[in-house]
C-alpha atoms as a PDB file:
ATOM      1  CA  MET A   1     -24.471 -12.647   0.837  1.00  0.00           C
ATOM      2  CA  TRP A   2     -21.320 -12.478  -1.383  1.00  0.00           C
ATOM      3  CA  ARG A   3     -23.101 -13.277  -4.643  1.00  0.00           C
ATOM      4  CA  SER A   4     -25.799 -10.638  -4.053  1.00  0.00           C
ATOM      5  CA  ASN A   5     -23.251  -7.750  -3.881  1.00  0.00           C
ATOM      6  CA  ILE A   6     -20.682  -9.034  -6.404  1.00  0.00           C
ATOM      7  CA  GLY A   7     -20.289  -5.504  -7.884  1.00  0.00           C
ATOM      8  CA  VAL A   8     -19.628  -4.053  -4.455  1.00  0.00           C
ATOM      9  CA  HIS A   9     -16.971  -6.578  -3.868  1.00  0.00           C
ATOM     10  CA  LEU A  10     -15.442  -6.046  -7.183  1.00  0.00           C
ATOM     11  CA  ILE A  11     -15.181  -2.370  -6.517  1.00  0.00           C
ATOM     12  CA  LEU A  12     -13.619  -2.911  -3.109  1.00  0.00           C
ATOM     13  CA  VAL A  13     -10.963  -5.024  -4.680  1.00  0.00           C
ATOM     14  CA  CYS A  14     -10.245  -2.528  -7.449  1.00  0.00           C
ATOM     15  CA  LEU A  15     -10.105   0.208  -4.497  1.00  0.00           C
ATOM     16  CA  SER A  16      -7.765  -1.862  -2.351  1.00  0.00           C
ATOM     17  CA  ILE A  17      -5.492  -2.522  -5.409  1.00  0.00           C
ATOM     18  CA  CYS A  18      -5.310   1.323  -6.134  1.00  0.00           C
ATOM     19  CA  LEU A  19      -4.875   2.152  -2.357  1.00  0.00           C
ATOM     20  CA  VAL A  20      -1.734  -0.162  -1.990  1.00  0.00           C
ATOM     21  CA  ALA A  21      -0.329   1.234  -5.138  1.00  0.00           C
ATOM     22  CA  ALA A  22      -1.014   4.784  -4.084  1.00  0.00           C
ATOM     23  CA  SER A  23       1.022   3.900  -0.922  1.00  0.00           C
ATOM     24  CA  LEU A  24       4.041   4.104  -3.180  1.00  0.00           C
ATOM     25  CA  TRP A  25       3.699   7.941  -3.158  1.00  0.00           C
ATOM     26  CA  PHE A  26       4.762   8.067   0.433  1.00  0.00           C
ATOM     27  CA  PRO A  27       8.410   8.948   0.993  1.00  0.00           C
ATOM     28  CA  ALA A  28      10.732   6.519   2.677  1.00  0.00           C
ATOM     29  CA  THR A  29      13.231   7.981   5.270  1.00  0.00           C
ATOM     30  CA  VAL A  30      16.907   6.910   5.144  1.00  0.00           C
ATOM     31  CA  HIS A  31      19.111   7.491   8.111  1.00  0.00           C
ATOM     32  CA  ASP A  32      22.469   6.759   6.846  1.00  0.00           C
ATOM     33  CA  ARG A  33      24.440   5.561   3.743  1.00  0.00           C
ATOM     34  CA  SER A  34      23.922   1.723   4.502  1.00  0.00           C
ATOM     35  CA  GLU A  35      20.222   2.115   4.156  1.00  0.00           C
ATOM     36  CA  MET A  36      20.417   3.394   0.782  1.00  0.00           C
ATOM     37  CA  LYS A  37      21.066   0.009  -0.616  1.00  0.00           C
ATOM     38  CA  SER A  38      17.592  -1.196   0.503  1.00  0.00           C
ATOM     39  CA  VAL A  39      15.192   1.506   0.634  1.00  0.00           C
ATOM     40  CA  GLN A  40      11.633  -0.001   1.229  1.00  0.00           C
ATOM     41  CA  TYR A  41       8.304   1.309   0.200  1.00  0.00           C
ATOM     42  CA  GLY A  42       4.532   0.470   0.368  1.00  0.00           C
ATOM     43  CA  TYR A  43       2.022  -0.019   3.075  1.00  0.00           C
ATOM     44  CA  PRO A  44       0.832  -1.907   5.172  1.00  0.00           C
ATOM     45  CA  PHE A  45       3.729  -4.249   4.230  1.00  0.00           C
ATOM     46  CA  ARG A  46       6.915  -3.031   2.413  1.00  0.00           C
ATOM     47  CA  PHE A  47       6.690  -4.631  -0.881  1.00  0.00           C
ATOM     48  CA  LEU A  48       8.938  -2.595  -3.200  1.00  0.00           C
ATOM     49  CA  THR A  49      12.794  -2.211  -2.641  1.00  0.00           C
ATOM     50  CA  GLN A  50      15.088   0.285  -4.491  1.00  0.00           C
ATOM     51  CA  ASP A  51      18.755   0.679  -4.227  1.00  0.00           C
ATOM     52  CA  VAL A  52      19.390   4.378  -4.319  1.00  0.00           C
ATOM     53  CA  SER A  53      23.151   4.178  -3.222  1.00  0.00           C
ATOM     54  CA  ARG A  54      24.351   5.996  -6.355  1.00  0.00           C
ATOM     55  CA  TYR A  55      22.853   9.332  -4.967  1.00  0.00           C
ATOM     56  CA  ASP A  56      24.455  11.690  -2.712  1.00  0.00           C
ATOM     57  CA  PRO A  57      21.965  13.273  -0.069  1.00  0.00           C
ATOM     58  CA  PRO A  58      22.990  16.636   1.477  1.00  0.00           C
ATOM     59  CA  GLY A  59      22.510  15.233   4.799  1.00  0.00           C
ATOM     60  CA  PHE A  60      20.762  12.406   6.975  1.00  0.00           C
ATOM     61  CA  PRO A  61      17.944  11.716   7.635  1.00  0.00           C
ATOM     62  CA  TRP A  62      16.812  12.117   3.949  1.00  0.00           C
ATOM     63  CA  GLN A  63      13.640  11.062   2.288  1.00  0.00           C
ATOM     64  CA  TYR A  64      13.342   9.215  -1.042  1.00  0.00           C
ATOM     65  CA  ARG A  65      10.276   8.680  -3.172  1.00  0.00           C
ATOM     66  CA  VAL A  66      10.127   5.851  -5.549  1.00  0.00           C
ATOM     67  CA  MET A  67      12.274   6.588  -8.416  1.00  0.00           C
ATOM     68  CA  SER A  68      12.693   5.247 -12.115  1.00  0.00           C
ATOM     69  CA  PRO A  69      13.249   1.396 -12.080  1.00  0.00           C
ATOM     70  CA  TRP A  70      15.478   1.792 -15.049  1.00  0.00           C
ATOM     71  CA  GLU A  71      17.950   3.975 -13.280  1.00  0.00           C
ATOM     72  CA  ASN A  72      17.670   2.287  -9.814  1.00  0.00           C
ATOM     73  CA  PRO A  73      17.633  -1.541  -9.275  1.00  0.00           C
ATOM     74  CA  THR A  74      14.056  -2.275  -7.987  1.00  0.00           C
ATOM     75  CA  LYS A  75      12.614  -5.573  -6.508  1.00  0.00           C
ATOM     76  CA  LEU A  76       8.954  -6.348  -5.904  1.00  0.00           C
ATOM     77  CA  LYS A  77       7.899  -8.701  -3.202  1.00  0.00           C
ATOM     78  CA  PRO A  78       4.825 -10.168  -4.726  1.00  0.00           C
ATOM     79  CA  LEU A  79       3.619 -11.681  -1.612  1.00  0.00           C
ATOM     80  CA  ALA A  80       4.056  -8.650   0.525  1.00  0.00           C
ATOM     81  CA  PHE A  81       2.121  -6.753  -2.376  1.00  0.00           C
ATOM     82  CA  LEU A  82      -0.735  -9.490  -2.276  1.00  0.00           C
ATOM     83  CA  GLY A  83      -0.715  -9.426   1.599  1.00  0.00           C
ATOM     84  CA  SER A  84      -1.157  -5.615   1.567  1.00  0.00           C
ATOM     85  CA  ILE A  85      -4.088  -5.921  -0.862  1.00  0.00           C
ATOM     86  CA  ILE A  86      -5.576  -8.594   1.429  1.00  0.00           C
ATOM     87  CA  ILE A  87      -5.249  -6.617   4.532  1.00  0.00           C
ATOM     88  CA  VAL A  88      -6.739  -3.356   2.759  1.00  0.00           C
ATOM     89  CA  LEU A  89      -9.571  -5.357   1.228  1.00  0.00           C
ATOM     90  CA  ALA A  90     -10.453  -6.945   4.496  1.00  0.00           C
ATOM     91  CA  SER A  91     -10.519  -3.473   6.081  1.00  0.00           C
ATOM     92  CA  LEU A  92     -12.742  -2.070   3.543  1.00  0.00           C
ATOM     93  CA  GLU A  93     -15.251  -5.217   3.683  1.00  0.00           C
ATOM     94  CA  LEU A  94     -15.493  -4.708   7.246  1.00  0.00           C
ATOM     95  CA  ALA A  95     -15.995  -1.115   7.114  1.00  0.00           C
ATOM     96  CA  VAL A  96     -18.916  -1.905   4.449  1.00  0.00           C
ATOM     97  CA  ILE A  97     -20.429  -4.375   6.759  1.00  0.00           C
ATOM     98  CA  ALA A  98     -20.384  -1.994   9.799  1.00  0.00           C
ATOM     99  CA  VAL A  99     -21.989   0.753   7.718  1.00  0.00           C
ATOM    100  CA  LYS A 100     -24.844  -1.586   6.444  1.00  0.00           C
ATOM    101  CA  ARG A 101     -25.505  -2.740   9.841  1.00  0.00           C
ATOM    102  CA  ALA A 102     -25.546   0.983  11.251  1.00  0.00           C
ATOM    103  CA  ILE A 103     -27.895   1.933   8.670  1.00  0.00           C
ATOM    104  CA  ARG A 104     -30.145  -1.116   9.240  1.00  0.00           C
ATOM    105  CA  ILE A 105     -30.292  -0.386  12.874  1.00  0.00           C
ATOM    106  CA  LEU A 106     -30.926   3.389  12.447  1.00  0.00           C
ATOM    107  CA  PHE A 107     -33.898   3.025   9.907  1.00  0.00           C
ATOM    108  CA  GLN A 108     -35.456  -0.019  11.658  1.00  0.00           C
ATOM    109  CA  THR A 109     -39.032   0.437  12.370  1.00  0.00           C
END
């Protein structure tokens, strides 16, 4: 089954990588100054951490988006990134299987 649809699986792998990377567009909420040293981004697992303590927000809670890694110390957690990709990929694969089965059942003669 895997070999017969290798193109579909490659598309799903690329899509899962894109979706996990796109999760960095979601802002992270900071509730106090101590949280600004380690603002975490990414879904479903937090795989990117930035230190934004050099900024002075007008109040709390405040939301930050991912900022320049050259201006803000940034750490990538590779295992969390890989785990996020695997979780998203598994979800997409299950969705494809469910859709294929539903189509097979609906159009069965």
